[in-house]
């Protein structure tokens, strides 16, 4: 399987939910792909050439679905959100 083969239906099956319960799955999927490309610098073709990135998509989507808030338990910041914002920060000291 390639990253480009992953569908929202696949993700709903993995999450064990009905797809209608999570209309944002496409947003989460697109965000996970963008995160991987931004983090690695790979383009779509290169991402597809690494099948080991498929589980990363699933992990990122599950995290986005399960932790739909910036701050999670005990004041710990959502690391995916934090690292995504860090990639685009232009005002770092």
Protein backbone atom coordinates (compact mmCIF):
# COMPACT_ATOMS: atom_id res chain seq x y z
CA UNK A 1 0.00 0.00 0.00
CA UNK A 2 1.08 3.57 -0.72
CA UNK A 3 0.21 6.73 1.18
CA UNK A 4 -1.83 7.93 -1.81
CA UNK A 5 -3.94 4.74 -1.61
CA UNK A 6 -5.26 5.53 1.88
CA UNK A 7 -8.91 6.57 1.90
CA UNK A 8 -11.18 7.98 4.57
CA UNK A 9 -13.00 4.66 4.46
CA UNK A 10 -9.74 2.89 5.39
CA UNK A 11 -9.28 5.30 8.27
CA UNK A 12 -12.85 4.84 9.51
CA UNK A 13 -12.33 1.07 9.47
CA UNK A 14 -9.08 1.46 11.40
CA UNK A 15 -10.75 3.73 13.94
CA UNK A 16 -13.66 1.29 14.16
CA UNK A 17 -16.21 4.01 13.51
CA UNK A 18 -18.84 4.72 10.92
CA UNK A 19 -17.46 7.23 8.45
CA UNK A 20 -20.46 9.50 9.10
CA UNK A 21 -19.33 9.81 12.74
CA UNK A 22 -16.17 11.62 11.66
CA UNK A 23 -16.80 13.95 8.73
CA UNK A 24 -13.36 15.50 9.33
CA UNK A 25 -11.42 12.39 8.34
CA UNK A 26 -10.47 13.92 4.98
CA UNK A 27 -9.10 16.98 6.79
CA UNK A 28 -7.10 14.73 9.12
CA UNK A 29 -5.80 12.67 6.18
CA UNK A 30 -4.78 15.73 4.19
CA UNK A 31 -3.12 17.24 7.27
CA UNK A 32 -1.19 14.05 8.01
CA UNK A 33 0.11 13.94 4.43
CA UNK A 34 1.09 17.60 4.55
CA UNK A 35 2.79 17.09 7.91
CA UNK A 36 4.90 14.22 6.56
CA UNK A 37 5.86 16.18 3.44
CA UNK A 38 6.75 19.29 5.42
CA UNK A 39 8.69 17.36 8.02
CA UNK A 40 10.66 15.23 5.55
CA UNK A 41 10.86 17.52 2.53
CA UNK A 42 9.64 14.66 0.33
CA UNK A 43 7.17 15.20 -2.51
CA UNK A 44 4.10 13.02 -3.18
CA UNK A 45 6.02 10.59 -5.38
CA UNK A 46 8.80 10.14 -2.84
CA UNK A 47 6.32 9.68 0.01
CA UNK A 48 4.60 6.95 -2.00
CA UNK A 49 7.93 5.17 -2.48
CA UNK A 50 8.21 4.58 1.29
CA UNK A 51 5.55 2.08 2.41
CA UNK A 52 6.71 2.48 6.00
CA UNK A 53 5.09 5.94 5.98
CA UNK A 54 1.62 4.38 5.68
CA UNK A 55 1.43 3.52 9.40
CA UNK A 56 2.63 7.05 10.19
CA UNK A 57 -0.46 8.41 8.42
CA UNK A 58 -2.67 6.14 10.51
CA UNK A 59 -0.94 7.20 13.75
CA UNK A 60 -1.25 10.89 12.91
CA UNK A 61 -4.93 10.55 11.99
CA UNK A 62 -5.72 8.56 15.13
CA UNK A 63 -3.94 11.20 17.20
CA UNK A 64 -5.90 13.98 15.49
CA UNK A 65 -9.17 12.10 15.98
CA UNK A 66 -8.56 11.09 19.59
CA UNK A 67 -6.99 14.36 20.75
CA UNK A 68 -9.10 17.03 19.15
CA UNK A 69 -7.68 19.71 21.37
CA UNK A 70 -4.33 21.46 21.70
CA UNK A 71 -3.74 20.69 25.38
CA UNK A 72 -4.28 17.13 26.51
CA UNK A 73 -4.17 15.40 29.89
CA UNK A 74 -2.11 16.89 32.71
CA UNK A 75 -1.29 20.03 30.72
CA UNK A 76 0.86 18.18 28.17
CA UNK A 77 0.82 19.92 24.81
CA UNK A 78 -0.16 17.90 21.75
CA UNK A 79 3.28 17.21 20.24
CA UNK A 80 2.02 16.90 16.65
CA UNK A 81 0.40 20.32 16.81
CA UNK A 82 3.43 21.83 18.51
CA UNK A 83 5.92 20.45 15.99
CA UNK A 84 3.73 21.46 13.04
CA UNK A 85 3.58 25.02 14.31
CA UNK A 86 7.33 24.98 14.97
CA UNK A 87 8.00 24.07 11.33
CA UNK A 88 6.30 27.29 10.18
CA UNK A 89 7.34 29.65 12.97
CA UNK A 90 9.23 32.65 11.73
CA UNK A 91 9.55 34.40 15.06
CA UNK A 92 11.70 31.90 16.93
CA UNK A 93 14.39 33.44 19.10
